[in-house]
C-alpha atoms as a PDB file:
ATOM      1  CA  MET A   1      11.413   7.405 -23.016  1.00  0.00           C
ATOM      2  CA  GLU A   2      14.804   8.153 -24.535  1.00  0.00           C
ATOM      3  CA  ARG A   3      14.547   4.999 -26.658  1.00  0.00           C
ATOM      4  CA  TRP A   4      11.333   6.321 -28.171  1.00  0.00           C
ATOM      5  CA  GLY A   5      12.826   9.709 -28.886  1.00  0.00           C
ATOM      6  CA  LEU A   6      10.835  11.290 -26.064  1.00  0.00           C
ATOM      7  CA  GLY A   7      13.647  12.030 -23.621  1.00  0.00           C
ATOM      8  CA  TYR A   8      14.099  15.447 -22.072  1.00  0.00           C
ATOM      9  CA  SER A   9      16.690  16.546 -24.629  1.00  0.00           C
ATOM     10  CA  ASP A  10      14.335  15.528 -27.461  1.00  0.00           C
ATOM     11  CA  LEU A  11      11.363  17.341 -25.976  1.00  0.00           C
ATOM     12  CA  LYS A  12      13.415  20.417 -25.168  1.00  0.00           C
ATOM     13  CA  GLU A  13      14.099  20.862 -28.872  1.00  0.00           C
ATOM     14  CA  ILE A  14      10.356  21.191 -29.408  1.00  0.00           C
ATOM     15  CA  ARG A  15       9.808  23.547 -26.457  1.00  0.00           C
ATOM     16  CA  GLU A  16      12.724  25.159 -24.680  1.00  0.00           C
ATOM     17  CA  ASP A  17      10.904  25.702 -21.368  1.00  0.00           C
ATOM     18  CA  ILE A  18       9.222  22.295 -21.194  1.00  0.00           C
ATOM     19  CA  ILE A  19       8.955  20.611 -17.796  1.00  0.00           C
ATOM     20  CA  LEU A  20       9.400  16.830 -17.727  1.00  0.00           C
ATOM     21  CA  ALA A  21       8.673  14.939 -14.505  1.00  0.00           C
ATOM     22  CA  SER A  22       9.880  11.383 -13.941  1.00  0.00           C
ATOM     23  CA  GLY A  23       9.051   8.969 -11.145  1.00  0.00           C
ATOM     24  CA  SER A  24      11.325   5.982 -10.560  1.00  0.00           C
ATOM     25  CA  SER A  25      12.197   3.401  -7.945  1.00  0.00           C
ATOM     26  CA  TRP A  26      15.936   3.918  -7.590  1.00  0.00           C
ATOM     27  CA  GLY A  27      16.754   7.319  -9.103  1.00  0.00           C
ATOM     28  CA  ARG A  28      18.150   7.825 -12.590  1.00  0.00           C
ATOM     29  CA  GLU A  29      21.808   7.276 -11.667  1.00  0.00           C
ATOM     30  CA  GLY A  30      23.778   4.528  -9.932  1.00  0.00           C
ATOM     31  CA  PRO A  31      24.065   0.752 -10.392  1.00  0.00           C
ATOM     32  CA  ARG A  32      20.333   0.114  -9.881  1.00  0.00           C
ATOM     33  CA  GLY A  33      19.070   3.086 -11.869  1.00  0.00           C
ATOM     34  CA  ASN A  34      17.430   0.970 -14.584  1.00  0.00           C
ATOM     35  CA  GLN A  35      16.094  -1.824 -12.395  1.00  0.00           C
ATOM     36  CA  PRO A  36      12.389  -2.336 -11.658  1.00  0.00           C
ATOM     37  CA  GLY A  37      11.001  -1.762  -8.184  1.00  0.00           C
ATOM     38  CA  TYR A  38       7.885  -1.415  -6.099  1.00  0.00           C
ATOM     39  CA  ASP A  39       6.859   0.200  -2.826  1.00  0.00           C
ATOM     40  CA  HIS A  40       7.946  -2.717  -0.631  1.00  0.00           C
ATOM     41  CA  VAL A  41      11.474  -2.946  -2.001  1.00  0.00           C
ATOM     42  CA  GLY A  42      11.756   0.834  -1.803  1.00  0.00           C
ATOM     43  CA  GLN A  43      10.898   0.631   1.894  1.00  0.00           C
ATOM     44  CA  ALA A  44      13.350  -2.222   2.363  1.00  0.00           C
ATOM     45  CA  PHE A  45      16.229  -0.386   0.680  1.00  0.00           C
ATOM     46  CA  SER A  46      15.601   2.883   2.561  1.00  0.00           C
ATOM     47  CA  GLY A  47      16.208   1.475   6.046  1.00  0.00           C
ATOM     48  CA  VAL A  48      12.737   2.352   7.309  1.00  0.00           C
ATOM     49  CA  MET A  49      11.768  -1.289   7.873  1.00  0.00           C
ATOM     50  CA  VAL A  50      14.712  -1.788  10.230  1.00  0.00           C
ATOM     51  CA  GLU A  51      13.915   1.504  11.974  1.00  0.00           C
ATOM     52  CA  GLN A  52      10.262   0.569  12.499  1.00  0.00           C
ATOM     53  CA  GLY A  53      11.173  -2.965  13.503  1.00  0.00           C
ATOM     54  CA  GLY A  54      13.331  -1.813  16.388  1.00  0.00           C
ATOM     55  CA  GLY A  55      16.853  -1.765  14.975  1.00  0.00           C
ATOM     56  CA  PRO A  56      19.214  -4.151  13.166  1.00  0.00           C
ATOM     57  CA  THR A  57      18.774  -7.026  15.657  1.00  0.00           C
ATOM     58  CA  GLN A  58      14.972  -7.111  15.408  1.00  0.00           C
ATOM     59  CA  ILE A  59      12.491  -8.312  12.779  1.00  0.00           C
ATOM     60  CA  PRO A  60      11.995  -5.671  10.044  1.00  0.00           C
ATOM     61  CA  GLN A  61       8.555  -4.050   9.952  1.00  0.00           C
ATOM     62  CA  ALA A  62       7.101  -2.480   6.826  1.00  0.00           C
ATOM     63  CA  LEU A  63       4.948   0.613   6.950  1.00  0.00           C
ATOM     64  CA  ILE A  64       1.467   0.517   5.425  1.00  0.00           C
ATOM     65  CA  GLY A  65       1.328  -0.691   1.840  1.00  0.00           C
ATOM     66  CA  GLY A  66       1.886   2.031  -0.713  1.00  0.00           C
ATOM     67  CA  PHE A  67       3.550   4.414   1.753  1.00  0.00           C
ATOM     68  CA  ALA A  68       6.663   5.013  -0.365  1.00  0.00           C
ATOM     69  CA  ASP A  69       4.509   5.242  -3.505  1.00  0.00           C
ATOM     70  CA  GLN A  70       2.311   7.938  -1.984  1.00  0.00           C
ATOM     71  CA  ILE A  71       5.164   9.974  -0.504  1.00  0.00           C
ATOM     72  CA  GLY A  72       6.965   9.782  -3.850  1.00  0.00           C
ATOM     73  CA  ALA A  73       3.848  10.974  -5.678  1.00  0.00           C
ATOM     74  CA  MET A  74       3.406  13.905  -3.290  1.00  0.00           C
ATOM     75  CA  LEU A  75       7.021  14.964  -3.737  1.00  0.00           C
ATOM     76  CA  LEU A  76       6.665  14.636  -7.501  1.00  0.00           C
ATOM     77  CA  ALA A  77       3.664  16.987  -7.405  1.00  0.00           C
ATOM     78  CA  PHE A  78       5.637  19.373  -5.196  1.00  0.00           C
ATOM     79  CA  GLY A  79       8.551  19.240  -7.648  1.00  0.00           C
ATOM     80  CA  ILE A  80       6.265  20.006 -10.593  1.00  0.00           C
ATOM     81  CA  SER A  81       4.770  22.965  -8.714  1.00  0.00           C
ATOM     82  CA  SER A  82       8.279  24.245  -7.939  1.00  0.00           C
ATOM     83  CA  ALA A  83       9.323  23.842 -11.581  1.00  0.00           C
ATOM     84  CA  LEU A  84       6.260  25.807 -12.715  1.00  0.00           C
ATOM     85  CA  VAL A  85       7.139  28.627 -10.323  1.00  0.00           C
ATOM     86  CA  ALA A  86      10.722  28.596 -11.642  1.00  0.00           C
ATOM     87  CA  ARG A  87       9.462  28.767 -15.219  1.00  0.00           C
ATOM     88  CA  ASN A  88       7.155  31.661 -14.424  1.00  0.00           C
ATOM     89  CA  SER A  89       9.972  33.465 -12.611  1.00  0.00           C
ATOM     90  CA  PHE A  90      12.961  32.706 -14.847  1.00  0.00           C
ATOM     91  CA  GLY A  91      11.498  31.429 -18.125  1.00  0.00           C
ATOM     92  CA  ILE A  92      13.245  28.062 -17.848  1.00  0.00           C
ATOM     93  CA  GLY A  93      12.104  24.470 -18.121  1.00  0.00           C
ATOM     94  CA  GLN A  94      13.763  21.487 -16.499  1.00  0.00           C
ATOM     95  CA  HIS A  95      13.732  17.745 -15.954  1.00  0.00           C
ATOM     96  CA  LEU A  96      12.873  16.639 -12.427  1.00  0.00           C
ATOM     97  CA  ASP A  97      13.055  13.164 -10.984  1.00  0.00           C
ATOM     98  CA  VAL A  98      11.654  11.664  -7.781  1.00  0.00           C
ATOM     99  CA  SER A  99      12.371   8.110  -6.655  1.00  0.00           C
ATOM    100  CA  LEU A 100      10.957   5.793  -4.001  1.00  0.00           C
ATOM    101  CA  ILE A 101      14.249   5.585  -2.132  1.00  0.00           C
ATOM    102  CA  GLY A 102      14.777   9.333  -2.356  1.00  0.00           C
ATOM    103  CA  ALA A 103      11.301   9.952  -0.969  1.00  0.00           C
ATOM    104  CA  MET A 104      11.796   7.512   1.894  1.00  0.00           C
ATOM    105  CA  THR A 105      15.166   9.057   2.710  1.00  0.00           C
ATOM    106  CA  ALA A 106      13.548  12.487   2.908  1.00  0.00           C
ATOM    107  CA  VAL A 107      10.842  11.429   5.370  1.00  0.00           C
ATOM    108  CA  GLN A 108      13.507   9.773   7.537  1.00  0.00           C
ATOM    109  CA  ALA A 109      15.764  12.832   7.635  1.00  0.00           C
ATOM    110  CA  MET A 110      15.892  12.913  11.450  1.00  0.00           C
ATOM    111  CA  PRO A 111      16.773   9.253  12.204  1.00  0.00           C
ATOM    112  CA  ILE A 112      19.145   8.969   9.236  1.00  0.00           C
ATOM    113  CA  THR A 113      20.953  12.157  10.276  1.00  0.00           C
ATOM    114  CA  ARG A 114      21.175  10.796  13.812  1.00  0.00           C
ATOM    115  CA  PHE A 115      22.745   7.590  12.494  1.00  0.00           C
ATOM    116  CA  LEU A 116      25.208   9.467  10.285  1.00  0.00           C
ATOM    117  CA  ARG A 117      26.341  11.425  13.363  1.00  0.00           C
ATOM    118  CA  THR A 118      26.486   8.537  15.831  1.00  0.00           C
ATOM    119  CA  GLY A 119      26.841   5.364  13.758  1.00  0.00           C
ATOM    120  CA  LYS A 120      23.969   3.792  15.733  1.00  0.00           C
ATOM    121  CA  GLN A 121      20.477   2.755  14.681  1.00  0.00           C
ATOM    122  CA  ILE A 122      18.495   1.569  17.692  1.00  0.00           C
ATOM    123  CA  GLY A 123      15.000   1.767  16.216  1.00  0.00           C
ATOM    124  CA  PHE A 124      12.067   4.043  16.800  1.00  0.00           C
ATOM    125  CA  GLU A 125      10.517   2.401  19.858  1.00  0.00           C
ATOM    126  CA  ALA A 126      13.774   2.223  21.806  1.00  0.00           C
ATOM    127  CA  ARG A 127      14.399   5.898  21.120  1.00  0.00           C
ATOM    128  CA  ARG A 128      10.865   7.040  21.992  1.00  0.00           C
ATOM    129  CA  ALA A 129      10.499   8.947  25.269  1.00  0.00           C
ATOM    130  CA  ALA A 130       8.371   7.565  28.092  1.00  0.00           C
ATOM    131  CA  THR A 131       6.139  10.633  27.819  1.00  0.00           C
ATOM    132  CA  TYR A 132       5.836  10.415  24.037  1.00  0.00           C
ATOM    133  CA  THR A 133       4.195   7.046  23.536  1.00  0.00           C
ATOM    134  CA  HIS A 134       0.981   5.140  24.303  1.00  0.00           C
ATOM    135  CA  TYR A 135      -0.233   3.184  27.303  1.00  0.00           C
ATOM    136  CA  LEU A 136      -2.830   0.476  27.878  1.00  0.00           C
ATOM    137  CA  SER A 137      -5.834   1.534  29.949  1.00  0.00           C
ATOM    138  CA  ARG A 138      -8.181  -0.505  32.105  1.00  0.00           C
ATOM    139  CA  ASP A 139     -10.684  -1.135  29.285  1.00  0.00           C
ATOM    140  CA  GLY A 140      -8.056  -2.624  26.974  1.00  0.00           C
ATOM    141  CA  LYS A 141      -7.653   0.469  24.789  1.00  0.00           C
ATOM    142  CA  TYR A 142      -4.454   2.431  24.318  1.00  0.00           C
ATOM    143  CA  VAL A 143      -4.069   6.138  25.057  1.00  0.00           C
ATOM    144  CA  ALA A 144      -1.338   8.124  23.297  1.00  0.00           C
ATOM    145  CA  ILE A 145       0.370  11.072  24.978  1.00  0.00           C
ATOM    146  CA  ALA A 146       2.897  13.642  23.756  1.00  0.00           C
ATOM    147  CA  ALA A 147       4.116  15.386  26.898  1.00  0.00           C
ATOM    148  CA  ASN A 148       7.500  16.291  25.471  1.00  0.00           C
ATOM    149  CA  THR A 149       8.074  19.623  27.234  1.00  0.00           C
ATOM    150  CA  GLN A 150       8.432  20.485  30.919  1.00  0.00           C
ATOM    151  CA  ARG A 151       5.072  22.305  30.881  1.00  0.00           C
ATOM    152  CA  PHE A 152       3.298  19.281  29.464  1.00  0.00           C
ATOM    153  CA  TRP A 153       5.115  17.005  31.921  1.00  0.00           C
ATOM    154  CA  VAL A 154       3.760  19.013  34.854  1.00  0.00           C
ATOM    155  CA  ASN A 155       0.296  18.969  33.277  1.00  0.00           C
ATOM    156  CA  LEU A 156       0.549  15.208  32.732  1.00  0.00           C
ATOM    157  CA  CYS A 157       1.393  14.607  36.379  1.00  0.00           C
ATOM    158  CA  GLY A 158      -1.657  16.643  37.354  1.00  0.00           C
ATOM    159  CA  ALA A 159      -3.933  14.724  34.976  1.00  0.00           C
ATOM    160  CA  LEU A 160      -2.672  11.430  36.397  1.00  0.00           C
ATOM    161  CA  LYS A 161      -3.078  12.665  39.986  1.00  0.00           C
ATOM    162  CA  ARG A 162       0.627  11.977  40.455  1.00  0.00           C
ATOM    163  CA  GLN A 163       1.972  15.404  41.396  1.00  0.00           C
ATOM    164  CA  ASP A 164       4.599  13.595  43.476  1.00  0.00           C
ATOM    165  CA  LEU A 165       6.395  12.724  40.238  1.00  0.00           C
ATOM    166  CA  ILE A 166       7.078  16.403  39.471  1.00  0.00           C
ATOM    167  CA  ASP A 167       9.665  16.683  42.250  1.00  0.00           C
ATOM    168  CA  ASP A 168      10.979  13.137  41.938  1.00  0.00           C
ATOM    169  CA  ASN A 169      14.678  13.543  41.135  1.00  0.00           C
ATOM    170  CA  ARG A 170      14.488  10.635  38.679  1.00  0.00           C
ATOM    171  CA  PHE A 171      11.977  12.483  36.511  1.00  0.00           C
ATOM    172  CA  SER A 172      12.412  16.167  37.363  1.00  0.00           C
ATOM    173  CA  ASP A 173      13.654  17.289  33.932  1.00  0.00           C
ATOM    174  CA  PRO A 174      13.855  15.875  30.375  1.00  0.00           C
ATOM    175  CA  PHE A 175      17.408  14.578  30.883  1.00  0.00           C
ATOM    176  CA  ALA A 176      16.496  12.748  34.088  1.00  0.00           C
ATOM    177  CA  ARG A 177      13.393  11.267  32.455  1.00  0.00           C
ATOM    178  CA  ALA A 178      15.499  10.011  29.548  1.00  0.00           C
ATOM    179  CA  GLU A 179      18.101   8.495  31.861  1.00  0.00           C
ATOM    180  CA  ASN A 180      15.427   6.757  33.945  1.00  0.00           C
ATOM    181  CA  LYS A 181      13.093   5.934  31.066  1.00  0.00           C
ATOM    182  CA  ASP A 182      12.431   2.303  32.032  1.00  0.00           C
ATOM    183  CA  GLU A 183      11.419   3.254  35.574  1.00  0.00           C
ATOM    184  CA  LEU A 184       9.122   6.007  34.312  1.00  0.00           C
ATOM    185  CA  VAL A 185       7.506   3.694  31.760  1.00  0.00           C
ATOM    186  CA  GLU A 186       6.721   1.236  34.544  1.00  0.00           C
ATOM    187  CA  VAL A 187       5.174   3.978  36.694  1.00  0.00           C
ATOM    188  CA  LEU A 188       3.033   5.284  33.847  1.00  0.00           C
ATOM    189  CA  GLU A 189       1.980   1.796  32.735  1.00  0.00           C
ATOM    190  CA  GLN A 190       0.639   1.036  36.208  1.00  0.00           C
ATOM    191  CA  GLN A 191      -1.126   4.391  36.477  1.00  0.00           C
ATOM    192  CA  PHE A 192      -2.916   4.161  33.117  1.00  0.00           C
ATOM    193  CA  LEU A 193      -4.203   0.690  34.016  1.00  0.00           C
ATOM    194  CA  THR A 194      -6.175   2.111  36.931  1.00  0.00           C
ATOM    195  CA  GLU A 195      -8.823   3.857  34.764  1.00  0.00           C
ATOM    196  CA  THR A 196     -10.570   3.558  31.397  1.00  0.00           C
ATOM    197  CA  SER A 197      -9.406   5.207  28.200  1.00  0.00           C
ATOM    198  CA  GLU A 198     -12.443   7.513  28.227  1.00  0.00           C
ATOM    199  CA  TYR A 199     -11.519   8.715  31.699  1.00  0.00           C
ATOM    200  CA  TRP A 200      -7.918   9.393  30.757  1.00  0.00           C
ATOM    201  CA  ILE A 201      -8.824  11.200  27.539  1.00  0.00           C
ATOM    202  CA  GLU A 202     -11.046  13.556  29.533  1.00  0.00           C
ATOM    203  CA  GLN A 203      -8.404  14.145  32.225  1.00  0.00           C
ATOM    204  CA  LEU A 204      -5.594  14.726  29.731  1.00  0.00           C
ATOM    205  CA  THR A 205      -7.690  17.047  27.584  1.00  0.00           C
ATOM    206  CA  ASN A 206      -8.759  19.113  30.598  1.00  0.00           C
ATOM    207  CA  ALA A 207      -5.096  19.353  31.647  1.00  0.00           C
ATOM    208  CA  ASP A 208      -4.052  20.547  28.167  1.00  0.00           C
ATOM    209  CA  VAL A 209      -1.868  17.505  27.505  1.00  0.00           C
ATOM    210  CA  PRO A 210      -1.679  16.480  23.814  1.00  0.00           C
ATOM    211  CA  ASN A 211      -3.440  13.119  23.642  1.00  0.00           C
ATOM    212  CA  SER A 212      -5.533  10.745  21.574  1.00  0.00           C
ATOM    213  CA  LEU A 213      -7.141   7.383  21.767  1.00  0.00           C
ATOM    214  CA  VAL A 214      -5.157   4.985  19.596  1.00  0.00           C
ATOM    215  CA  MET A 215      -7.841   4.425  16.997  1.00  0.00           C
ATOM    216  CA  SER A 216      -8.736   1.728  14.540  1.00  0.00           C
ATOM    217  CA  TYR A 217     -10.213   2.703  11.182  1.00  0.00           C
ATOM    218  CA  GLU A 218     -13.587   1.781  12.658  1.00  0.00           C
ATOM    219  CA  ASP A 219     -13.023   4.327  15.436  1.00  0.00           C
ATOM    220  CA  LEU A 220     -11.758   6.908  12.963  1.00  0.00           C
ATOM    221  CA  GLU A 221     -14.895   6.735  10.818  1.00  0.00           C
ATOM    222  CA  LEU A 222     -17.004   7.837  13.793  1.00  0.00           C
ATOM    223  CA  GLN A 223     -14.962  10.942  14.606  1.00  0.00           C
ATOM    224  CA  ALA A 224     -16.645  14.297  13.963  1.00  0.00           C
ATOM    225  CA  GLN A 225     -13.174  15.821  13.620  1.00  0.00           C
ATOM    226  CA  MET A 226     -12.677  13.874  10.394  1.00  0.00           C
ATOM    227  CA  TRP A 227     -16.027  14.801   8.839  1.00  0.00           C
ATOM    228  CA  ASP A 228     -16.080  18.439   9.956  1.00  0.00           C
ATOM    229  CA  ASN A 229     -12.749  19.066   8.203  1.00  0.00           C
ATOM    230  CA  GLY A 230     -13.623  17.031   5.114  1.00  0.00           C
ATOM    231  CA  TYR A 231     -10.896  14.468   5.769  1.00  0.00           C
ATOM    232  CA  LEU A 232     -13.583  11.831   5.274  1.00  0.00           C
ATOM    233  CA  GLN A 233     -16.320  12.404   2.712  1.00  0.00           C
ATOM    234  CA  GLU A 234     -19.206  10.612   1.056  1.00  0.00           C
ATOM    235  CA  ILE A 235     -19.293  10.598  -2.738  1.00  0.00           C
ATOM    236  CA  ILE A 236     -21.460   9.052  -5.439  1.00  0.00           C
ATOM    237  CA  SER A 237     -19.765   6.595  -7.769  1.00  0.00           C
ATOM    238  CA  ASP A 238     -21.298   5.758 -11.166  1.00  0.00           C
ATOM    239  CA  THR A 239     -20.558   2.089 -10.580  1.00  0.00           C
ATOM    240  CA  LEU A 240     -20.564   1.653  -6.790  1.00  0.00           C
ATOM    241  CA  GLY A 241     -23.167   4.178  -5.665  1.00  0.00           C
ATOM    242  CA  ALA A 242     -22.730   6.045  -2.375  1.00  0.00           C
ATOM    243  CA  MET A 243     -19.371   5.394  -0.769  1.00  0.00           C
ATOM    244  CA  ARG A 244     -17.160   6.899   1.922  1.00  0.00           C
ATOM    245  CA  VAL A 245     -13.591   7.875   1.025  1.00  0.00           C
ATOM    246  CA  PRO A 246     -10.702   9.968   2.380  1.00  0.00           C
ATOM    247  CA  GLY A 247     -11.121  13.593   1.321  1.00  0.00           C
ATOM    248  CA  PRO A 248      -8.492  16.096   0.133  1.00  0.00           C
ATOM    249  CA  PRO A 249      -5.958  16.741   2.930  1.00  0.00           C
ATOM    250  CA  VAL A 250      -5.397  20.364   1.831  1.00  0.00           C
ATOM    251  CA  ARG A 251      -8.143  22.944   2.323  1.00  0.00           C
ATOM    252  CA  MET A 252      -8.118  26.070   0.138  1.00  0.00           C
ATOM    253  CA  SER A 253     -10.304  29.111   0.765  1.00  0.00           C
ATOM    254  CA  GLU A 254     -10.803  30.253  -2.845  1.00  0.00           C
ATOM    255  CA  THR A 255     -10.383  27.096  -4.919  1.00  0.00           C
ATOM    256  CA  PRO A 256     -11.366  24.264  -2.596  1.00  0.00           C
ATOM    257  CA  PRO A 257     -10.432  20.814  -3.897  1.00  0.00           C
ATOM    258  CA  LYS A 258     -13.298  18.380  -4.227  1.00  0.00           C
ATOM    259  CA  ILE A 259     -13.704  14.692  -4.923  1.00  0.00           C
ATOM    260  CA  GLN A 260     -16.481  14.704  -7.499  1.00  0.00           C
ATOM    261  CA  GLY A 261     -17.046  10.962  -7.672  1.00  0.00           C
ATOM    262  CA  GLY A 262     -15.424   7.657  -8.395  1.00  0.00           C
ATOM    263  CA  GLY A 263     -12.897   7.120 -11.143  1.00  0.00           C
ATOM    264  CA  PRO A 264     -14.328   7.188 -14.682  1.00  0.00           C
ATOM    265  CA  ARG A 265     -14.702   4.041 -16.754  1.00  0.00           C
ATOM    266  CA  LEU A 266     -11.887   3.348 -19.207  1.00  0.00           C
ATOM    267  CA  GLY A 267     -12.186   5.738 -22.125  1.00  0.00           C
ATOM    268  CA  PHE A 268     -15.058   7.695 -20.585  1.00  0.00           C
ATOM    269  CA  ASP A 269     -13.478  11.131 -21.209  1.00  0.00           C
ATOM    270  CA  THR A 270     -11.346  10.296 -24.241  1.00  0.00           C
ATOM    271  CA  GLU A 271     -13.472  12.100 -26.828  1.00  0.00           C
ATOM    272  CA  THR A 272     -13.910  15.186 -24.623  1.00  0.00           C
ATOM    273  CA  ILE A 273     -10.164  15.466 -24.059  1.00  0.00           C
ATOM    274  CA  LEU A 274      -9.360  14.970 -27.750  1.00  0.00           C
ATOM    275  CA  LEU A 275     -11.835  17.703 -28.671  1.00  0.00           C
ATOM    276  CA  GLN A 276     -10.167  20.018 -26.141  1.00  0.00           C
ATOM    277  CA  LEU A 277      -6.824  19.239 -27.781  1.00  0.00           C
ATOM    278  CA  GLY A 278      -8.145  20.335 -31.169  1.00  0.00           C
ATOM    279  CA  TYR A 279      -9.129  17.062 -32.847  1.00  0.00           C
ATOM    280  CA  ASP A 280     -12.311  17.115 -34.915  1.00  0.00           C
ATOM    281  CA  TRP A 281     -14.913  14.349 -35.068  1.00  0.00           C
ATOM    282  CA  ASP A 282     -13.594  12.918 -38.341  1.00  0.00           C
ATOM    283  CA  GLN A 283     -10.159  12.478 -36.757  1.00  0.00           C
ATOM    284  CA  ILE A 284     -11.620  10.955 -33.597  1.00  0.00           C
ATOM    285  CA  THR A 285     -13.732   8.532 -35.660  1.00  0.00           C
ATOM    286  CA  SER A 286     -10.620   7.553 -37.622  1.00  0.00           C
ATOM    287  CA  LEU A 287      -8.753   6.859 -34.386  1.00  0.00           C
ATOM    288  CA  ARG A 288     -11.608   4.649 -33.169  1.00  0.00           C
ATOM    289  CA  ASP A 289     -11.826   2.787 -36.483  1.00  0.00           C
ATOM    290  CA  ARG A 290      -8.118   2.019 -36.263  1.00  0.00           C
ATOM    291  CA  GLU A 291      -8.535   0.982 -32.590  1.00  0.00           C
ATOM    292  CA  VAL A 292      -6.071   3.616 -31.478  1.00  0.00           C
ATOM    293  CA  ILE A 293      -8.587   4.684 -28.840  1.00  0.00           C
END
């Protein structure tokens, strides 16, 4: 943008309190600041692929495609909102920048901080507690549990009909469970295999243990929880007709966000937007004649 005379310093001369938002792969500074990049290389550079893969000695594992792109976009929107608040409060504009590697660093704050303190990266699965993971049930489906407090541990033992584990010295408190993780995993693996996922979901829910079936997208589409909250919605697209899509993740009481339909065809709203910006029809016709729009 600077090469075209549209950098922040150029724009600030036109409007002192202007807000300019930039999204990049590597950040504006440093040896790679001007290099191209995409989501996958952003994930690779950030360390998350090694973390998800199980540590430096294992095969790296990428997150879902577009993960870094989407997190970066969300943080960019958050930055713009913050800059607008600052302008309303202090009358100042500013230039903000969000990068893929910066975004991925932010969402890994806990494991990266742990590494910076200890010098060790062992990977997510190796670090996961035996009571904060998922287990295979008799019907071949996995059940996830998050019994990460003493209260939930006691509840879990009740749901599994294994109250004997509560007073077992190997598992009696969080420190003992961590020290004897492999033994506890083996116990829980064998127990979950004795019943179906449906049975365990009912038992865990009744015992107030955080739980979920490990779902596929096919499973997810059937969940009332998703539709009742608007996390999945059906819209009408001009080109594709009725279609199901993810809905807005944020619900607002007074100005609820809404997906009104599919994306418009190229140029569909150009004339409307130009009219809103103050162009008249003669100017718009001239732009079309010159193939500017």
